[in-house]
Amino acid sequence: MKIEKEGGPSKRKLSLFDATMLVMGSMIGSGIFIVSADIMRNLGSGYWLIVVWVITGVMTVAAAISYGELSSMFPKAGGQYTYLKEIFGKMMGFLYGWGLFTVIQTGTIAAVAVAFGKFTAYLIPALNDAAPIFQSGGYKITWIQILAIGVILLLTYINTKGVEGGKILQNIFTGSKIVALIGLIILGFLLVKNSFWAGNMSFGQDAFNNLKTDPSGNFLKSGWESISGMAIMGGIAAAMVGSVFSSVAWENVTFVSGEIENPKKNVVRSMVLGTSAVMILYLLVNFVYLNTLNRDSIAFALNDRVAVAASEQIFGSGIGTIVIALLVMISTFGCVNGIVLAGARVFQTMAKDGMFFKAALKNNKNGVPERSLWMQGIWASALCLSGQYGNLLDMISFVIVLFYMITVFGVIYLRIKQPGLERPYKTWLYPITPIIYLLIGAAFCILLLIYKQQYTWPGLVIVLLGVPVYFFINKKEQQD
């Protein structure tokens, strides 16, 4: 295998600080404010809630540390797509890129943008109260969806004006949400008079008294009772769908490696610093939930908005709602910007390999892939209108972890097959770190296949639909 040297027209405008802000900003969207409700419904105990977030944190940081070795070997735009293509061939790279464009990247943009719209509706109730713009049967287009599309198109436009504008916006919004989250964490312990910590942290037999579940296997409000170890494992896997999805997108920084200063060192540094900081923040935010709310209030928070319920306990009902609405708006706006900025670079790299529309190939006068940005933005906007982005993301979490596992396995594969390749950075505690990720990831995927199949096969189908597309593109390329 020949490692290509970095190059091309991209100028290196992103520092280590910028790259770390991109990692953190892309990770922190709306999930941390919502998914803990579903985790509590699945597992019934604050103890297991924390276990889920700790496992997710270990997974995430282990993957970031492992990716660092690949980022130092292939320090160019395209990131994970490039790693998979270089290690396992063009087809594997294409299938990842196909999944990224069809749903992983664009679906995330759509889902987070709609979350921005929904929390904006807290401050502007007319958005919620307005009649749908269009409705036919169960399908409808609302003003919240239109607002989401407006945000996507605005941020796409800003990013076509150059990396500098997107970088500044990213740093401002990421910095703001980090400060706001730290403030929420501190006040969540200082201002709350009645702590529910001790009751929430019970576990084992006592945590599941009188267990009853709904058809999906979630615990019902009427009680919690003893369950078997395997059922707990299945519950953990199902609960981790939310925590895993709230902790992805850190790899977006690898997509813009071509624009990062000293990428052989700064990409891995940004991934490890960013993922570690975010997972610590996530744990602390969950500590606030467990301190301010009882078990049922977390599990059955209105519309799963646990952060709103906790904030109302801290600041009072009126102010608390406004505080969280503003925080989520800042968080989701910055998250969409980071994902928009990074994703287009992958599709441009795919176009260079003949694996994507040729129009995505060229940079504009500002040195950014404008057409690739607009293709991504238009498809993400279409997903907003589809109303299916949330379901797609549930389905794709399984596939995201599979691609992470394949990429992490690539570190071990290259060590065995080509030990002599230059590795400016080597994975810490190799082979323990990648093996930890592979073991947890495999357990997660196997348990989902057993207990929550609706989260598995649809995502696989979406990715496998890329196989005939790949052969069609390859055939056309050979004919040309």
Protein backbone atom coordinates (compact mmCIF):
# COMPACT_ATOMS: atom_id res chain seq x y z
CA MET A 1 0.00 0.00 0.00
CA LYS A 2 1.30 3.39 -0.93
CA ILE A 3 0.41 6.27 1.37
CA GLU A 4 -0.41 9.33 -0.70
CA LYS A 5 1.20 12.56 0.34
CA GLU A 6 -1.06 15.33 1.44
CA GLY A 7 -1.61 18.14 -0.98
CA GLY A 8 -4.12 19.86 -3.20
CA PRO A 9 -5.47 23.39 -3.23
CA SER A 10 -6.82 23.41 0.34
CA LYS A 11 -5.07 25.85 2.65
CA ARG A 12 -4.50 24.82 6.24
CA LYS A 13 -6.63 27.27 8.20
CA LEU A 14 -7.76 25.18 11.17
CA SER A 15 -5.64 25.13 14.36
CA LEU A 16 -5.69 22.47 17.09
CA PHE A 17 -8.18 24.64 19.01
CA ASP A 18 -10.42 24.97 15.93
CA ALA A 19 -10.27 21.21 15.31
CA THR A 20 -11.15 20.43 18.95
CA MET A 21 -14.08 22.86 18.79
CA LEU A 22 -15.23 21.08 15.63
CA VAL A 23 -15.10 17.70 17.42
CA MET A 24 -17.03 18.97 20.44
CA GLY A 25 -19.46 21.06 18.44
CA SER A 26 -20.31 18.20 16.08
CA MET A 27 -20.93 15.82 19.00
CA ILE A 28 -23.10 18.04 21.22
CA GLY A 29 -26.47 18.47 19.54
CA SER A 30 -29.88 17.80 21.08
CA GLY A 31 -29.35 14.19 22.23
CA ILE A 32 -27.92 14.85 25.68
CA PHE A 33 -31.02 16.89 26.52
CA ILE A 34 -33.45 14.11 25.54
CA VAL A 35 -32.14 10.52 25.32
CA SER A 36 -31.67 9.90 29.06
CA ALA A 37 -35.46 9.54 29.33
CA ASP A 38 -35.43 6.54 27.00
CA ILE A 39 -32.41 5.07 28.79
CA MET A 40 -34.24 5.29 32.14
CA ARG A 41 -37.36 3.70 30.64
CA ASN A 42 -35.25 0.82 29.33
CA LEU A 43 -33.31 0.20 32.54
CA GLY A 44 -35.25 1.71 35.44
CA SER A 45 -32.28 2.84 37.54
CA GLY A 46 -29.95 5.82 37.74
CA TYR A 47 -27.13 3.36 38.34
CA TRP A 48 -27.70 1.70 34.96
CA LEU A 49 -28.21 5.11 33.34
CA ILE A 50 -24.68 6.06 34.39
CA VAL A 51 -23.35 2.63 33.35
CA VAL A 52 -24.71 3.21 29.83
CA TRP A 53 -23.04 6.62 29.56
CA VAL A 54 -19.74 5.28 30.96
CA ILE A 55 -19.72 2.38 28.46
CA THR A 56 -20.52 4.82 25.65
CA GLY A 57 -17.74 7.12 26.85
CA VAL A 58 -15.16 4.30 26.94
CA MET A 59 -16.26 3.22 23.43
CA THR A 60 -16.06 6.71 22.02
CA VAL A 61 -12.64 7.62 23.42
CA ALA A 62 -11.20 4.19 22.53
CA ALA A 63 -12.36 4.65 18.93
CA ALA A 64 -10.93 8.19 18.77
CA ILE A 65 -7.56 6.98 20.09
CA SER A 66 -7.53 4.16 17.50
CA TYR A 67 -8.54 6.48 14.64
CA GLY A 68 -5.57 8.66 15.56
CA GLU A 69 -3.14 6.14 14.10
CA LEU A 70 -4.99 6.15 10.78
CA SER A 71 -5.31 9.94 10.75
CA SER A 72 -1.53 10.27 11.08
CA MET A 73 -0.98 7.78 8.23
CA PHE A 74 -3.54 9.35 5.87
CA PRO A 75 -3.49 13.08 6.77
CA LYS A 76 -5.75 14.29 3.99
CA ALA A 77 -9.37 15.21 3.35
CA GLY A 78 -11.92 12.40 3.39
CA GLY A 79 -11.11 10.92 6.79
CA GLN A 80 -12.94 7.69 7.50
CA TYR A 81 -13.86 7.24 3.83
CA THR A 82 -10.16 7.46 2.91
CA TYR A 83 -9.11 5.04 5.68
CA LEU A 84 -11.63 2.40 4.60
CA LYS A 85 -10.77 2.80 0.91
CA GLU A 86 -7.00 2.59 1.49
CA ILE A 87 -7.22 -0.42 3.83
CA PHE A 88 -10.10 -2.50 2.45
CA GLY A 89 -10.56 -1.21 -1.11
CA LYS A 90 -12.78 1.14 -3.07
CA MET A 91 -16.03 -0.75 -2.50
CA MET A 92 -15.81 -0.53 1.29
CA GLY A 93 -14.97 3.17 1.06
CA PHE A 94 -17.89 3.75 -1.31
CA LEU A 95 -20.41 1.93 0.91
CA TYR A 96 -19.38 4.14 3.82
CA GLY A 97 -19.61 7.26 1.66
CA TRP A 98 -22.99 6.10 0.29
CA GLY A 99 -24.33 5.62 3.81
CA LEU A 100 -22.87 8.96 4.83
CA PHE A 101 -24.60 10.87 2.03
CA THR A 102 -27.93 9.03 2.04
CA VAL A 103 -28.58 9.18 5.77
CA ILE A 104 -25.68 9.29 8.27
CA GLN A 105 -24.44 12.84 7.59
CA THR A 106 -27.52 14.34 5.93
CA GLY A 107 -29.96 12.60 8.27
CA THR A 108 -28.05 13.94 11.26
CA ILE A 109 -28.12 17.45 9.79
CA ALA A 110 -31.89 17.12 9.26
CA ALA A 111 -32.62 15.70 12.72
CA VAL A 112 -30.54 18.29 14.57
CA ALA A 113 -31.96 21.15 12.49
CA VAL A 114 -35.53 20.01 13.27
CA ALA A 115 -34.57 19.83 16.96
CA PHE A 116 -33.49 23.48 16.64
CA GLY A 117 -36.93 24.24 15.22
CA LYS A 118 -38.80 22.37 17.95
CA PHE A 119 -36.99 24.15 20.77
CA THR A 120 -37.42 27.51 18.99
CA ALA A 121 -41.14 26.79 19.21
CA TYR A 122 -40.79 26.96 23.02
CA LEU A 123 -39.92 30.64 22.67
CA ILE A 124 -42.29 31.28 19.73
CA PRO A 125 -45.45 29.24 20.48
CA ALA A 126 -47.00 30.39 17.19
CA LEU A 127 -44.67 27.92 15.46
CA ASN A 128 -46.34 25.05 17.30
CA ASP A 129 -49.85 26.44 17.01
CA ALA A 130 -49.73 27.27 13.29
CA ALA A 131 -51.66 25.03 10.93
CA PRO A 132 -49.54 22.78 8.68
CA ILE A 133 -48.49 24.35 5.39
CA PHE A 134 -49.47 21.12 3.66
CA GLN A 135 -51.18 17.97 4.88
CA SER A 136 -52.23 14.78 3.16
CA GLY A 137 -53.24 11.92 5.44
CA GLY A 138 -50.51 11.38 8.01
CA TYR A 139 -47.95 13.39 6.02
CA LYS A 140 -47.57 17.09 6.72
CA ILE A 141 -45.16 19.96 6.27
CA THR A 142 -44.95 22.34 9.23
CA TRP A 143 -43.31 25.70 9.84
CA ILE A 144 -40.84 23.95 12.16
CA GLN A 145 -39.61 21.90 9.21
CA ILE A 146 -39.35 25.04 7.09
CA LEU A 147 -37.32 26.73 9.84
CA ALA A 148 -35.03 23.67 9.95
CA ILE A 149 -34.50 23.91 6.19
CA GLY A 150 -33.80 27.63 6.54
CA VAL A 151 -31.08 26.89 9.11
CA ILE A 152 -29.51 24.22 6.86
CA LEU A 153 -29.47 26.50 3.81
CA LEU A 154 -28.17 29.49 5.81
CA LEU A 155 -25.27 27.50 7.29
CA THR A 156 -24.54 25.91 3.91
CA TYR A 157 -24.35 29.41 2.37
CA ILE A 158 -22.06 30.69 5.16
CA ASN A 159 -19.71 27.73 4.64
CA THR A 160 -19.51 28.40 0.88
CA LYS A 161 -17.85 31.71 1.75
CA GLY A 162 -14.76 29.97 3.07
CA VAL A 163 -13.46 27.93 5.99
CA GLU A 164 -12.75 31.07 8.02
CA GLY A 165 -16.43 32.03 8.42
CA GLY A 166 -17.53 28.50 9.30
CA LYS A 167 -14.63 28.19 11.76
CA ILE A 168 -15.47 31.42 13.59
CA LEU A 169 -19.15 30.46 13.80
CA GLN A 170 -18.21 27.00 15.09
CA ASN A 171 -15.90 28.34 17.78
CA ILE A 172 -18.46 30.90 19.02
CA PHE A 173 -21.36 28.46 19.25
CA THR A 174 -19.34 25.56 20.64
CA GLY A 175 -17.73 27.81 23.26
CA SER A 176 -21.15 29.17 24.23
CA LYS A 177 -22.74 25.77 24.73
CA ILE A 178 -19.77 24.46 26.73
CA VAL A 179 -19.99 27.45 29.09
CA ALA A 180 -23.78 27.07 29.33
CA LEU A 181 -23.54 23.33 30.08
CA ILE A 182 -20.94 23.94 32.80
CA GLY A 183 -23.23 26.59 34.31
CA LEU A 184 -26.18 24.18 34.24
CA ILE A 185 -24.07 21.47 35.92
CA ILE A 186 -22.92 23.78 38.74
CA LEU A 187 -26.36 25.27 39.37
CA GLY A 188 -27.94 21.82 39.19
CA PHE A 189 -26.21 21.00 42.46
CA LEU A 190 -26.20 24.44 44.12
CA LEU A 191 -29.81 25.55 43.63
CA VAL A 192 -31.76 22.29 44.10
CA LYS A 193 -33.09 21.81 47.64
CA ASN A 194 -34.43 18.26 47.38
CA SER A 195 -31.91 15.77 45.99
CA PHE A 196 -33.16 12.51 44.43
CA TRP A 197 -29.64 11.11 43.99
CA ALA A 198 -29.80 8.30 46.57
CA GLY A 199 -33.16 6.95 45.36
CA ASN A 200 -32.16 7.12 41.72
CA MET A 201 -28.88 5.28 42.25
CA SER A 202 -30.47 2.10 43.62
CA PHE A 203 -29.86 -0.93 41.42
CA GLY A 204 -30.07 -4.70 41.30
CA GLN A 205 -33.25 -6.38 42.57
CA ASP A 206 -34.53 -3.29 44.39
CA ALA A 207 -34.36 -1.13 41.28
CA PHE A 208 -36.87 -3.26 39.38
CA ASN A 209 -39.77 -3.82 41.79
CA ASN A 210 -43.00 -4.79 40.02
CA LEU A 211 -41.52 -4.53 36.55
CA LYS A 212 -43.96 -4.19 33.66
CA THR A 213 -43.04 -3.44 30.07
CA ASP A 214 -44.78 -2.11 26.99
CA PRO A 215 -44.74 -4.02 23.65
CA SER A 216 -41.36 -2.46 22.80
CA GLY A 217 -39.83 -3.77 26.01
CA ASN A 218 -39.68 -0.42 27.80
CA PHE A 219 -40.53 -0.17 31.50
CA LEU A 220 -43.97 1.16 32.33
CA LYS A 221 -44.60 3.83 34.92
CA SER A 222 -46.62 1.46 37.10
CA GLY A 223 -43.50 -0.18 38.50
CA TRP A 224 -40.10 -1.80 38.24
CA GLU A 225 -39.22 -5.42 39.19
CA SER A 226 -36.43 -7.98 39.12
CA ILE A 227 -35.17 -9.01 35.69
CA SER A 228 -32.55 -11.46 34.44
CA GLY A 229 -28.96 -10.57 33.58
CA MET A 230 -29.52 -11.17 29.85
CA ALA A 231 -32.58 -8.92 29.85
CA ILE A 232 -30.50 -6.21 31.52
CA MET A 233 -27.85 -6.66 28.81
CA GLY A 234 -30.51 -6.37 26.12
CA GLY A 235 -31.90 -3.30 27.84
CA ILE A 236 -28.43 -1.74 27.97
CA ALA A 237 -27.93 -2.34 24.24
CA ALA A 238 -31.32 -0.83 23.40
CA ALA A 239 -30.67 2.10 25.73
CA MET A 240 -27.27 2.69 24.12
CA VAL A 241 -28.87 3.50 20.75
CA GLY A 242 -29.57 6.98 22.12
CA SER A 243 -26.29 7.49 23.97
CA VAL A 244 -24.23 6.19 21.03
CA PHE A 245 -26.00 8.47 18.59
CA SER A 246 -25.47 11.42 20.96
CA SER A 247 -21.75 10.62 20.94
CA VAL A 248 -21.03 10.22 17.23
CA ALA A 249 -19.85 12.75 14.62
CA TRP A 250 -16.48 13.32 16.34
CA GLU A 251 -14.90 11.72 13.26
CA ASN A 252 -16.08 14.74 11.24
CA VAL A 253 -12.74 16.36 12.06
CA THR A 254 -10.99 13.69 9.97
CA PHE A 255 -13.05 14.79 6.96
CA VAL A 256 -11.26 18.17 6.97
CA SER A 257 -7.74 16.86 7.65
CA GLY A 258 -6.55 18.64 4.48
CA GLU A 259 -7.35 22.00 6.10
CA ILE A 260 -5.89 21.37 9.58
CA GLU A 261 -2.45 22.62 10.57
CA ASN A 262 0.01 19.77 11.22
CA PRO A 263 -2.69 17.09 10.66
CA LYS A 264 -0.41 14.17 11.55
CA LYS A 265 -0.50 15.35 15.17
CA ASN A 266 -3.43 17.73 15.54
CA VAL A 267 -6.20 15.48 14.20
CA VAL A 268 -5.60 12.80 16.84
CA ARG A 269 -5.08 15.40 19.56
CA SER A 270 -8.37 17.09 18.71
CA MET A 271 -10.26 13.77 18.65
CA VAL A 272 -8.93 12.59 22.01
CA LEU A 273 -9.30 15.99 23.73
CA GLY A 274 -12.74 16.64 22.24
CA THR A 275 -14.30 13.23 22.86
CA SER A 276 -12.93 13.03 26.41
CA ALA A 277 -14.23 16.49 27.30
CA VAL A 278 -17.68 15.85 25.81
CA MET A 279 -18.14 12.48 27.54
CA ILE A 280 -17.19 14.06 30.90
CA LEU A 281 -19.74 16.83 30.27
CA TYR A 282 -22.37 14.23 29.35
CA LEU A 283 -21.78 12.31 32.58
CA LEU A 284 -22.01 15.48 34.67
CA VAL A 285 -25.24 16.56 32.95
CA ASN A 286 -26.74 13.15 33.79
CA PHE A 287 -25.62 13.63 37.40
CA VAL A 288 -27.72 16.82 37.38
CA TYR A 289 -30.75 14.91 36.08
CA LEU A 290 -30.34 12.30 38.82
CA ASN A 291 -29.93 14.98 41.48
CA THR A 292 -32.89 17.15 40.48
CA LEU A 293 -35.52 14.62 39.30
CA ASN A 294 -36.89 11.32 40.56
CA ARG A 295 -36.86 8.18 38.42
CA ASP A 296 -40.33 8.61 36.92
CA SER A 297 -39.73 12.30 36.19
CA ILE A 298 -36.67 11.33 34.12
CA ALA A 299 -38.25 8.32 32.40
CA PHE A 300 -41.54 10.03 31.58
CA ALA A 301 -40.50 13.64 31.04
CA LEU A 302 -42.86 15.42 28.64
CA ASN A 303 -41.71 14.65 25.06
CA ASP A 304 -38.57 13.10 26.63
CA ARG A 305 -37.23 16.60 27.36
CA VAL A 306 -35.41 15.69 30.57
CA ALA A 307 -33.27 18.84 30.46
CA VAL A 308 -36.40 21.03 30.49
CA ALA A 309 -37.81 19.17 33.51
CA ALA A 310 -34.47 19.47 35.36
CA SER A 311 -34.09 23.13 34.47
CA GLU A 312 -37.58 23.88 35.77
CA GLN A 313 -36.54 22.39 39.12
CA ILE A 314 -33.41 24.55 39.14
CA PHE A 315 -34.74 27.89 37.87
CA GLY A 316 -38.54 27.61 38.14
CA SER A 317 -41.03 26.59 35.45
CA GLY A 318 -40.99 29.74 33.30
CA ILE A 319 -37.30 30.60 33.36
CA GLY A 320 -36.18 26.96 33.24
CA THR A 321 -37.97 26.33 29.95
CA ILE A 322 -36.47 29.45 28.36
CA VAL A 323 -32.95 28.59 29.61
CA ILE A 324 -32.99 25.10 28.08
CA ALA A 325 -34.68 26.28 24.87
CA LEU A 326 -31.89 28.83 24.35
CA LEU A 327 -29.20 26.31 25.26
CA VAL A 328 -30.53 23.69 22.83
CA MET A 329 -30.90 26.30 20.08
CA ILE A 330 -27.25 27.33 20.53
CA SER A 331 -26.18 23.69 20.74
CA THR A 332 -28.05 22.46 17.68
CA PHE A 333 -27.17 25.50 15.53
CA GLY A 334 -23.46 24.94 16.23
CA CYS A 335 -23.81 21.20 15.70
CA VAL A 336 -25.42 21.62 12.27
CA ASN A 337 -22.68 24.06 11.27
CA GLY A 338 -19.90 21.61 12.19
CA ILE A 339 -21.49 18.70 10.35
CA VAL A 340 -22.23 20.84 7.27
CA LEU A 341 -18.65 22.15 7.21
CA ALA A 342 -17.07 18.69 7.43
CA GLY A 343 -19.32 16.39 5.40
CA ALA A 344 -18.93 18.11 2.04
CA ARG A 345 -15.18 17.35 2.06
CA VAL A 346 -15.89 13.60 2.00
CA PHE A 347 -18.15 13.88 -1.05
CA GLN A 348 -15.52 15.99 -2.80
CA THR A 349 -12.89 13.33 -2.08
CA MET A 350 -15.25 10.63 -3.39
CA ALA A 351 -15.73 12.67 -6.57
CA LYS A 352 -11.93 12.73 -7.06
CA ASP A 353 -12.06 8.92 -6.96
CA GLY A 354 -14.90 8.80 -9.48
CA MET A 355 -17.31 7.63 -6.76
CA PHE A 356 -19.58 10.72 -6.60
CA PHE A 357 -21.02 13.41 -8.88
CA LYS A 358 -18.22 15.17 -10.80
CA ALA A 359 -19.81 18.51 -9.99
CA ALA A 360 -18.71 18.04 -6.36
CA LEU A 361 -15.07 18.00 -7.41
CA LYS A 362 -14.05 21.65 -7.71
CA ASN A 363 -13.42 24.27 -5.04
CA ASN A 364 -14.89 27.73 -5.54
CA LYS A 365 -12.89 30.99 -5.40
CA ASN A 366 -13.01 30.79 -1.57
CA GLY A 367 -11.22 27.42 -1.60
CA VAL A 368 -14.22 25.32 -0.48
CA PRO A 369 -16.28 22.63 -2.30
CA GLU A 370 -19.36 24.80 -2.89
CA ARG A 371 -21.31 22.37 -5.08
CA SER A 372 -20.65 19.51 -2.68
CA LEU A 373 -21.93 21.69 0.16
CA TRP A 374 -25.14 22.49 -1.74
CA MET A 375 -25.75 18.83 -2.71
CA GLN A 376 -25.45 17.87 0.95
CA GLY A 377 -27.68 20.77 2.04
CA ILE A 378 -30.41 20.07 -0.52
CA TRP A 379 -30.61 16.35 0.34
CA ALA A 380 -30.66 17.12 4.08
CA SER A 381 -33.50 19.58 3.42
CA ALA A 382 -35.39 16.86 1.52
CA LEU A 383 -35.00 14.56 4.54
CA CYS A 384 -36.47 17.33 6.71
CA LEU A 385 -39.55 17.32 4.50
CA SER A 386 -39.75 13.51 4.49
CA GLY A 387 -40.47 13.44 8.21
CA GLN A 388 -38.56 10.13 8.39
CA TYR A 389 -35.15 11.39 9.58
CA GLY A 390 -35.76 10.29 13.19
CA ASN A 391 -36.65 6.73 12.15
CA LEU A 392 -33.69 6.61 9.77
CA LEU A 393 -31.29 7.64 12.51
CA ASP A 394 -32.60 4.95 14.88
CA MET A 395 -32.05 2.43 12.11
CA ILE A 396 -28.59 3.67 11.17
CA SER A 397 -27.01 3.71 14.68
CA PHE A 398 -26.25 0.01 14.28
CA VAL A 399 -24.54 0.66 10.93
CA ILE A 400 -22.55 3.60 12.30
CA VAL A 401 -21.08 1.33 14.98
CA LEU A 402 -20.37 -1.36 12.36
CA PHE A 403 -18.38 1.13 10.27
CA TYR A 404 -16.56 2.31 13.40
CA MET A 405 -15.68 -1.32 14.15
CA ILE A 406 -14.43 -1.98 10.61
CA THR A 407 -12.27 1.15 10.78
CA VAL A 408 -10.86 0.31 14.22
CA PHE A 409 -10.17 -3.22 13.01
CA GLY A 410 -8.24 -1.58 10.17
CA VAL A 411 -5.64 -0.44 12.71
CA ILE A 412 -4.97 -4.06 13.76
CA TYR A 413 -5.16 -5.29 10.15
CA LEU A 414 -2.49 -2.84 8.96
CA ARG A 415 -0.23 -3.62 11.92
CA ILE A 416 -0.29 -7.31 10.91
CA LYS A 417 -0.24 -6.93 7.11
CA GLN A 418 2.11 -3.94 6.77
CA PRO A 419 4.04 -3.42 10.00
CA GLY A 420 6.72 -1.41 8.19
CA LEU A 421 4.44 1.48 7.19
CA GLU A 422 5.32 4.86 8.69
CA ARG A 423 3.12 5.61 11.71
CA PRO A 424 3.77 9.16 13.02
CA TYR A 425 1.35 8.36 15.87
CA LYS A 426 0.72 4.91 17.30
CA THR A 427 -2.46 3.94 19.16
CA TRP A 428 -2.05 4.22 22.92
CA LEU A 429 -2.03 0.86 24.72
CA TYR A 430 -2.21 -1.07 21.44
CA PRO A 431 -3.74 -3.66 21.01
CA ILE A 432 -5.82 -3.21 24.18
CA THR A 433 -7.52 0.03 23.08
CA PRO A 434 -8.88 -1.16 19.70
CA ILE A 435 -9.81 -4.55 21.18
CA ILE A 436 -11.85 -2.81 23.93
CA TYR A 437 -13.81 -0.96 21.26
CA LEU A 438 -14.31 -4.07 19.13
CA LEU A 439 -15.54 -6.13 22.09
CA ILE A 440 -18.03 -3.48 23.30
CA GLY A 441 -19.14 -2.71 19.75
CA ALA A 442 -19.66 -6.41 18.94
CA ALA A 443 -21.68 -6.93 22.14
CA PHE A 444 -23.80 -3.86 21.31
CA CYS A 445 -24.51 -5.06 17.75
CA ILE A 446 -25.21 -8.70 18.72
CA LEU A 447 -27.58 -7.71 21.52
CA LEU A 448 -29.44 -5.34 19.18
CA LEU A 449 -29.77 -8.14 16.62
CA ILE A 450 -31.33 -10.30 19.35
CA TYR A 451 -33.51 -7.78 21.22
CA LYS A 452 -34.11 -4.76 18.94
CA GLN A 453 -34.06 -5.93 15.34
CA GLN A 454 -35.93 -2.85 14.16
CA TYR A 455 -32.72 -0.91 14.88
CA THR A 456 -30.55 -3.22 12.76
CA TRP A 457 -31.76 -4.62 9.43
CA PRO A 458 -33.24 -1.38 7.96
CA GLY A 459 -29.86 0.35 8.31
CA LEU A 460 -28.09 -2.60 6.72
CA VAL A 461 -30.56 -2.51 3.82
CA ILE A 462 -29.86 1.20 3.23
CA VAL A 463 -26.11 0.56 3.06
CA LEU A 464 -26.43 -2.62 0.95
CA LEU A 465 -28.50 -0.69 -1.60
CA GLY A 466 -25.20 1.00 -2.34
CA VAL A 467 -23.74 -2.26 -3.74
CA PRO A 468 -25.55 -2.15 -7.13
CA VAL A 469 -24.88 1.60 -7.28
CA TYR A 470 -21.16 0.91 -6.79
CA PHE A 471 -21.07 -1.66 -9.62
CA PHE A 472 -23.04 0.70 -11.89
CA ILE A 473 -20.57 3.53 -11.23
CA ASN A 474 -17.57 1.21 -11.70
CA LYS A 475 -18.98 -0.14 -14.96
CA LYS A 476 -19.62 3.36 -16.26
CA GLU A 477 -16.10 4.43 -15.26
CA GLN A 478 -14.56 1.49 -17.14
CA GLN A 479 -16.63 2.31 -20.25
CA ASP A 480 -15.47 5.92 -20.11
